[in-house]
Amino acid sequence: MSFYPKRVKVLTYECGSGNDPQAADFDRKKGGKVKKNFEDIVSKVKEFETKTVAVANAQDDAVLEAVHEAKKRGIADAVLVGDEEKIRAIAEKLGMDPAGFEVIDEKDPIQACRRAVQLAHDGKVDMYMKGLIDSKDFLRSVLDKEVGLRTGKPLSHVCVFDLPFADQLLFLTDVAFMTYPTLEDKVHIINNTVPVCRACGIEVPKVAVLAAVEVVNPKMPVTVEAAELTRMNDEGKITGCIVDGPLSLDLAIDPEAARHKGATNRKIQGDADILLFPDIHAGNLCYKAIVRIDGMKNGCILTGTKVPVILTSRSDTFETKVNSIALAAVVAEQMKREGTL
């Protein structure tokens, strides 16, 4: 069973083509490589200097297995912060050689977070990852005023799905962090997510601002906000992307539905790159439906921080954790090149 209809066209293209589809076609003719799936992301990671992730409370089987796989595949190195005795015991059980990683012994979970996040804060590592610790305690370290990763911008979460039937990446936001984003919050979410798209090879992503309907209804405030975001994009107040809303989910991801509904005047006609959800309920339900029904490959990070933050749940698969590390690595490289890391 597939949650998403098959795409007819894919408009992801290499950096440098701007808003001009003809320029995008020209880039393709020149041989520019379009990033289409997580294997492409992993290949891209190997083109630059290896990034390092600090893992807070690394004494967790699934996390250690993921960082071991990431190192083995050349995706990233890791500094493991936590109970060294437990880390080494788990590593031995998994057949890992802990000597291949730097291990910082800190048995107190809160202090382990603090020491790990400070490595990222001080620029000694490129990414920060949650291990065996409650999410609320992990996030406290991210937001710590002294050693955390605040940038002055609101934080948001993005989950990237590999759509095998469309040979494309789809970016879902915010499905895990912001509960009821305001209009201003949604501007920040877009601004946080667009650089993630660029890091994955989509220079000018299409942002579908989702609602239950595709017309403005004053009794449905999310449709009014969606129209306002579209207007802000048209006026150059939101840049680096193409914003269209309100859009129903079918118009955002299904070209056939867009044609059937006669949406020929819309900037997005079933070819969205980013799905911007009205609230965490809609986003999280959609995310879990895709994961549980389709089981598609995905990776998730927290953005708006000084370095990419890998915030996975214990229920996430081994593959999702590895993909999240790879995603964070390409974003870290993009931030470095843009001077934000």
Protein backbone atom coordinates (compact mmCIF):
# COMPACT_ATOMS: atom_id res chain seq x y z
CA MET A 1 0.00 0.00 0.00
CA SER A 2 1.37 3.41 -0.93
CA PHE A 3 0.47 6.57 0.95
CA TYR A 4 1.48 8.83 -1.94
CA PRO A 5 0.41 8.78 -5.59
CA LYS A 6 3.06 8.38 -8.22
CA ARG A 7 4.54 11.67 -9.35
CA VAL A 8 4.46 12.58 -13.03
CA LYS A 9 7.15 15.22 -12.95
CA VAL A 10 9.97 16.08 -10.61
CA LEU A 11 11.37 19.60 -10.44
CA THR A 12 14.36 19.20 -8.15
CA TYR A 13 17.51 20.64 -9.66
CA GLU A 14 21.09 21.55 -8.92
CA CYS A 15 22.24 24.77 -7.27
CA GLY A 16 22.74 27.73 -9.57
CA SER A 17 19.55 27.52 -11.57
CA GLY A 18 17.57 30.01 -9.48
CA ASN A 19 13.84 30.33 -10.08
CA ASP A 20 14.13 29.67 -13.81
CA PRO A 21 13.05 26.15 -14.90
CA GLN A 22 14.85 26.67 -18.22
CA ALA A 23 18.04 27.36 -16.32
CA ALA A 24 17.37 24.18 -14.37
CA ASP A 25 17.10 22.25 -17.63
CA PHE A 26 20.36 23.84 -18.75
CA ASP A 27 22.01 22.67 -15.53
CA ARG A 28 20.84 19.12 -16.26
CA LYS A 29 22.24 19.27 -19.79
CA LYS A 30 25.56 20.36 -18.34
CA GLY A 31 25.54 17.18 -16.29
CA GLY A 32 24.68 18.68 -12.91
CA LYS A 33 23.77 15.90 -10.49
CA VAL A 34 20.32 16.15 -8.93
CA LYS A 35 20.08 14.74 -5.40
CA LYS A 36 17.17 12.30 -5.48
CA ASN A 37 17.47 9.91 -2.54
CA PHE A 38 19.44 9.09 0.57
CA GLU A 39 22.05 7.17 -1.39
CA ASP A 40 22.78 10.39 -3.27
CA ILE A 41 23.04 12.22 0.06
CA VAL A 42 25.49 9.62 1.37
CA SER A 43 27.53 9.93 -1.84
CA LYS A 44 27.57 13.72 -1.42
CA VAL A 45 28.77 13.38 2.19
CA LYS A 46 31.85 11.52 0.98
CA GLU A 47 32.85 14.43 -1.27
CA PHE A 48 33.87 16.66 1.65
CA GLU A 49 35.82 16.43 4.90
CA THR A 50 34.32 13.93 7.34
CA LYS A 51 31.99 15.54 9.84
CA THR A 52 31.88 14.57 13.53
CA VAL A 53 28.81 14.16 15.72
CA ALA A 54 28.77 14.43 19.51
CA VAL A 55 26.37 11.90 21.02
CA ALA A 56 24.88 12.73 24.42
CA ASN A 57 24.43 9.64 26.64
CA ALA A 58 25.72 7.27 23.99
CA GLN A 59 25.10 4.11 26.07
CA ASP A 60 22.27 2.98 23.79
CA ASP A 61 22.34 -0.07 21.51
CA ALA A 62 20.48 1.49 18.57
CA VAL A 63 22.43 4.75 18.66
CA LEU A 64 25.81 3.03 18.93
CA GLU A 65 24.90 0.72 16.08
CA ALA A 66 23.92 3.73 13.96
CA VAL A 67 27.08 5.75 14.61
CA HIS A 68 29.16 2.64 14.00
CA GLU A 69 27.45 2.14 10.64
CA ALA A 70 27.87 5.83 9.82
CA LYS A 71 31.59 5.63 10.50
CA LYS A 72 31.95 2.37 8.57
CA ARG A 73 30.23 3.90 5.53
CA GLY A 74 32.27 7.10 5.70
CA ILE A 75 29.27 9.26 6.62
CA ALA A 76 30.53 10.68 9.92
CA ASP A 77 32.80 10.14 12.90
CA ALA A 78 31.54 10.41 16.47
CA VAL A 79 32.49 11.50 19.97
CA LEU A 80 30.62 9.35 22.49
CA VAL A 81 29.74 11.08 25.76
CA GLY A 82 28.21 9.08 28.59
CA ASP A 83 28.83 6.13 30.89
CA GLU A 84 32.05 4.75 29.43
CA GLU A 85 31.69 1.34 31.09
CA LYS A 86 28.23 0.85 29.61
CA ILE A 87 29.29 2.23 26.23
CA ARG A 88 32.16 -0.25 26.01
CA ALA A 89 29.96 -3.14 27.16
CA ILE A 90 27.35 -2.38 24.49
CA ALA A 91 30.04 -1.91 21.86
CA GLU A 92 31.51 -5.31 22.71
CA LYS A 93 28.06 -6.92 22.52
CA LEU A 94 27.54 -5.37 19.07
CA GLY A 95 30.97 -6.44 17.86
CA MET A 96 32.20 -2.84 17.67
CA ASP A 97 35.68 -1.64 18.47
CA PRO A 98 35.20 1.30 20.87
CA ALA A 99 38.83 2.26 20.28
CA GLY A 100 37.66 3.66 16.95
CA PHE A 101 35.77 6.45 18.75
CA GLU A 102 36.68 9.13 21.24
CA VAL A 103 34.79 8.33 24.47
CA ILE A 104 34.22 10.91 27.20
CA ASP A 105 33.21 9.33 30.49
CA GLU A 106 30.32 11.13 32.19
CA LYS A 107 27.86 9.05 34.20
CA ASP A 108 25.48 11.88 35.08
CA PRO A 109 22.95 12.12 32.19
CA ILE A 110 22.41 15.88 32.46
CA GLN A 111 26.13 16.60 32.62
CA ALA A 112 26.72 14.24 29.71
CA CYS A 113 24.34 16.37 27.63
CA ARG A 114 26.04 19.53 28.76
CA ARG A 115 29.52 18.25 27.91
CA ALA A 116 28.41 16.90 24.55
CA VAL A 117 26.55 20.04 23.49
CA GLN A 118 29.49 22.20 24.53
CA LEU A 119 31.63 20.37 21.98
CA ALA A 120 29.19 21.57 19.31
CA HIS A 121 28.93 25.03 20.85
CA ASP A 122 32.72 25.41 20.80
CA GLY A 123 33.01 24.22 17.20
CA LYS A 124 34.85 21.00 18.07
CA VAL A 125 32.18 18.85 16.40
CA ASP A 126 29.77 19.52 13.55
CA MET A 127 26.55 17.88 14.80
CA TYR A 128 24.78 17.01 18.05
CA MET A 129 22.80 13.79 18.59
CA LYS A 130 20.45 12.48 21.25
CA GLY A 131 21.30 9.17 22.90
CA LEU A 132 19.72 7.49 25.94
CA ILE A 133 18.12 10.57 27.48
CA ASP A 134 14.62 12.03 27.71
CA SER A 135 13.91 14.44 24.88
CA LYS A 136 13.03 17.27 27.28
CA ASP A 137 16.42 17.00 29.01
CA PHE A 138 18.21 16.77 25.68
CA LEU A 139 16.40 19.87 24.41
CA ARG A 140 17.30 21.77 27.58
CA SER A 141 20.94 21.31 26.63
CA VAL A 142 20.25 22.55 23.09
CA LEU A 143 18.61 25.68 24.53
CA ASP A 144 21.16 26.22 27.32
CA LYS A 145 22.10 29.91 27.37
CA GLU A 146 25.76 29.24 28.19
CA VAL A 147 26.78 26.18 26.19
CA GLY A 148 23.76 25.47 23.99
CA LEU A 149 23.10 25.97 20.32
CA ARG A 150 20.79 28.98 20.23
CA THR A 151 21.09 31.33 17.26
CA GLY A 152 18.34 33.77 18.14
CA LYS A 153 15.99 32.08 15.67
CA PRO A 154 13.11 29.76 16.58
CA LEU A 155 13.89 26.07 16.24
CA SER A 156 11.93 23.77 13.97
CA HIS A 157 11.98 20.14 12.89
CA VAL A 158 12.20 18.74 9.37
CA CYS A 159 11.79 15.15 8.27
CA VAL A 160 13.01 14.16 4.82
CA PHE A 161 11.43 11.22 3.02
CA ASP A 162 12.96 9.28 0.16
CA LEU A 163 10.16 8.68 -2.36
CA PRO A 164 11.32 5.70 -4.45
CA PHE A 165 8.39 5.85 -6.86
CA ALA A 166 9.08 9.54 -7.60
CA ASP A 167 12.88 9.45 -7.34
CA GLN A 168 12.61 12.54 -5.16
CA LEU A 169 13.05 13.78 -1.62
CA LEU A 170 10.04 15.24 0.20
CA PHE A 171 10.52 17.55 3.20
CA LEU A 172 7.87 17.55 5.96
CA THR A 173 7.81 20.35 8.55
CA ASP A 174 7.10 20.82 11.40
CA VAL A 175 6.10 17.35 12.55
CA ALA A 176 7.71 17.18 15.99
CA PHE A 177 8.71 20.49 17.58
CA MET A 178 6.48 23.54 17.06
CA THR A 179 2.98 22.83 18.32
CA TYR A 180 0.80 25.65 16.98
CA PRO A 181 3.04 27.85 14.83
CA THR A 182 1.94 31.44 14.28
CA LEU A 183 2.28 33.22 10.95
CA GLU A 184 5.66 34.55 12.08
CA ASP A 185 6.70 31.06 13.21
CA LYS A 186 5.80 29.67 9.78
CA VAL A 187 8.09 32.22 8.13
CA HIS A 188 10.89 30.97 10.38
CA ILE A 189 10.04 27.34 9.60
CA ILE A 190 10.32 28.05 5.87
CA ASN A 191 13.61 29.90 6.39
CA ASN A 192 14.94 27.00 8.46
CA THR A 193 13.91 24.36 5.93
CA VAL A 194 15.00 25.95 2.64
CA PRO A 195 18.76 25.60 3.48
CA VAL A 196 18.16 21.90 4.20
CA CYS A 197 16.73 21.57 0.70
CA ARG A 198 19.73 23.40 -0.75
CA ALA A 199 22.07 21.06 1.08
CA CYS A 200 20.26 18.16 -0.60
CA GLY A 201 20.57 19.70 -4.06
CA ILE A 202 17.24 21.51 -4.40
CA GLU A 203 18.22 25.12 -4.98
CA VAL A 204 14.75 26.70 -5.17
CA PRO A 205 12.31 24.39 -3.37
CA LYS A 206 8.55 24.59 -3.77
CA VAL A 207 6.79 25.09 -0.43
CA ALA A 208 3.18 23.90 -0.18
CA VAL A 209 1.39 25.59 2.73
CA LEU A 210 -1.14 22.91 3.59
CA ALA A 211 -4.75 23.23 4.67
CA ALA A 212 -7.89 21.14 4.35
CA VAL A 213 -8.96 23.20 1.34
CA GLU A 214 -7.23 25.15 -1.40
CA VAL A 215 -9.26 28.35 -1.12
CA VAL A 216 -9.17 31.10 1.49
CA ASN A 217 -11.94 30.83 4.07
CA PRO A 218 -12.00 33.50 6.81
CA LYS A 219 -13.53 30.92 9.15
CA MET A 220 -10.41 28.75 8.69
CA PRO A 221 -7.48 30.90 9.92
CA VAL A 222 -4.82 28.56 8.53
CA THR A 223 -6.05 29.31 5.00
CA VAL A 224 -5.73 33.04 5.64
CA GLU A 225 -2.17 32.56 6.93
CA ALA A 226 -1.32 30.37 3.94
CA ALA A 227 -2.46 33.09 1.56
CA GLU A 228 -0.43 35.65 3.50
CA LEU A 229 2.72 33.52 3.25
CA THR A 230 2.14 33.24 -0.49
CA ARG A 231 1.78 37.02 -0.74
CA MET A 232 4.97 37.56 1.27
CA ASN A 233 6.81 35.27 -1.13
CA ASP A 234 5.41 37.14 -4.14
CA GLU A 235 6.57 40.44 -2.63
CA GLY A 236 10.08 39.16 -1.91
CA LYS A 237 9.70 39.03 1.86
CA ILE A 238 10.26 35.26 1.83
CA THR A 239 13.05 34.36 -0.58
CA GLY A 240 14.95 31.36 -1.91
CA CYS A 241 11.81 29.34 -2.54
CA ILE A 242 8.41 29.27 -4.23
CA VAL A 243 5.51 29.40 -1.76
CA ASP A 244 1.92 28.48 -2.60
CA GLY A 245 -1.07 28.12 -0.31
CA PRO A 246 -3.52 27.27 0.87
CA LEU A 247 -3.13 23.89 -0.78
CA SER A 248 -4.81 20.60 0.00
CA LEU A 249 -2.47 17.63 0.25
CA ASP A 250 -3.56 16.15 -3.06
CA LEU A 251 -2.84 19.37 -4.96
CA ALA A 252 0.56 19.55 -3.28
CA ILE A 253 1.80 16.09 -4.19
CA ASP A 254 -0.38 14.68 -6.98
CA PRO A 255 -0.11 16.27 -10.46
CA GLU A 256 -3.15 14.30 -11.66
CA ALA A 257 -5.29 15.74 -8.86
CA ALA A 258 -4.05 19.22 -9.73
CA ARG A 259 -5.03 18.74 -13.37
CA HIS A 260 -8.37 17.23 -12.44
CA LYS A 261 -9.19 20.22 -10.23
CA GLY A 262 -8.06 22.64 -12.93
CA ALA A 263 -5.31 24.14 -10.78
CA THR A 264 -3.39 25.43 -13.80
CA ASN A 265 -2.94 28.86 -12.24
CA ARG A 266 -1.21 27.55 -9.11
CA LYS A 267 2.55 27.82 -8.60
CA ILE A 268 2.52 24.27 -7.25
CA GLN A 269 0.67 21.60 -9.21
CA GLY A 270 1.48 18.35 -7.46
CA ASP A 271 5.24 18.98 -7.45
CA ALA A 272 5.91 20.33 -3.94
CA ASP A 273 9.29 19.77 -2.28
CA ILE A 274 8.32 21.04 1.18
CA LEU A 275 5.04 20.32 2.96
CA LEU A 276 4.41 22.99 5.60
CA PHE A 277 1.78 21.74 8.04
CA PRO A 278 -0.63 24.01 9.94
CA ASP A 279 0.16 22.44 13.32
CA ILE A 280 1.94 19.54 14.98
CA HIS A 281 -1.17 17.33 14.94
CA ALA A 282 -1.50 17.37 11.17
CA GLY A 283 2.25 17.04 10.66
CA ASN A 284 2.85 14.26 13.14
CA LEU A 285 -0.14 12.22 12.00
CA CYS A 286 0.98 12.47 8.38
CA TYR A 287 4.56 11.58 9.30
CA LYS A 288 3.54 8.50 11.28
CA ALA A 289 1.10 7.40 8.60
CA ILE A 290 3.86 7.44 5.99
CA VAL A 291 6.28 5.61 8.28
CA ARG A 292 3.82 2.96 9.48
CA ILE A 293 1.95 2.39 6.22
CA ASP A 294 4.66 2.87 3.62
CA GLY A 295 7.82 2.33 5.66
CA MET A 296 9.68 4.77 3.42
CA LYS A 297 13.27 5.77 4.15
CA ASN A 298 13.54 8.97 6.12
CA GLY A 299 15.86 11.11 8.19
CA CYS A 300 15.04 13.95 10.58
CA ILE A 301 16.90 16.88 12.13
CA LEU A 302 16.25 19.94 14.24
CA THR A 303 17.06 23.22 12.48
CA GLY A 304 17.51 26.84 13.49
CA THR A 305 20.41 25.79 15.72
CA LYS A 306 24.12 26.58 15.57
CA VAL A 307 24.77 23.07 14.22
CA PRO A 308 22.32 20.41 12.97
CA VAL A 309 20.71 18.49 15.82
CA ILE A 310 19.73 14.83 15.41
CA LEU A 311 16.66 14.21 17.52
CA THR A 312 15.43 10.70 16.82
CA SER A 313 13.03 8.65 18.92
CA ARG A 314 13.64 5.18 20.33
CA SER A 315 11.03 3.81 17.94
CA ASP A 316 12.92 5.06 14.89
CA THR A 317 14.60 2.37 12.84
CA PHE A 318 18.33 1.84 12.59
CA GLU A 319 18.16 3.05 9.00
CA THR A 320 16.37 6.27 10.02
CA LYS A 321 19.10 7.05 12.54
CA VAL A 322 21.84 6.52 9.94
CA ASN A 323 19.92 8.61 7.40
CA SER A 324 19.51 11.37 9.98
CA ILE A 325 23.26 11.46 10.55
CA ALA A 326 23.85 11.68 6.79
CA LEU A 327 21.27 14.46 6.46
CA ALA A 328 22.86 16.39 9.33
CA ALA A 329 26.28 15.99 7.72
CA VAL A 330 25.26 17.53 4.38
CA VAL A 331 23.46 20.35 6.19
CA ALA A 332 26.55 20.98 8.34
CA GLU A 333 28.64 21.25 5.18
CA GLN A 334 26.10 23.65 3.64
CA MET A 335 26.18 25.79 6.80
CA LYS A 336 29.98 25.82 6.66
CA ARG A 337 29.99 26.97 3.04
CA GLU A 338 27.39 29.66 3.76
CA GLY A 339 29.32 30.84 6.81
CA THR A 340 26.69 29.93 9.35
CA LEU A 341 28.64 27.11 11.02
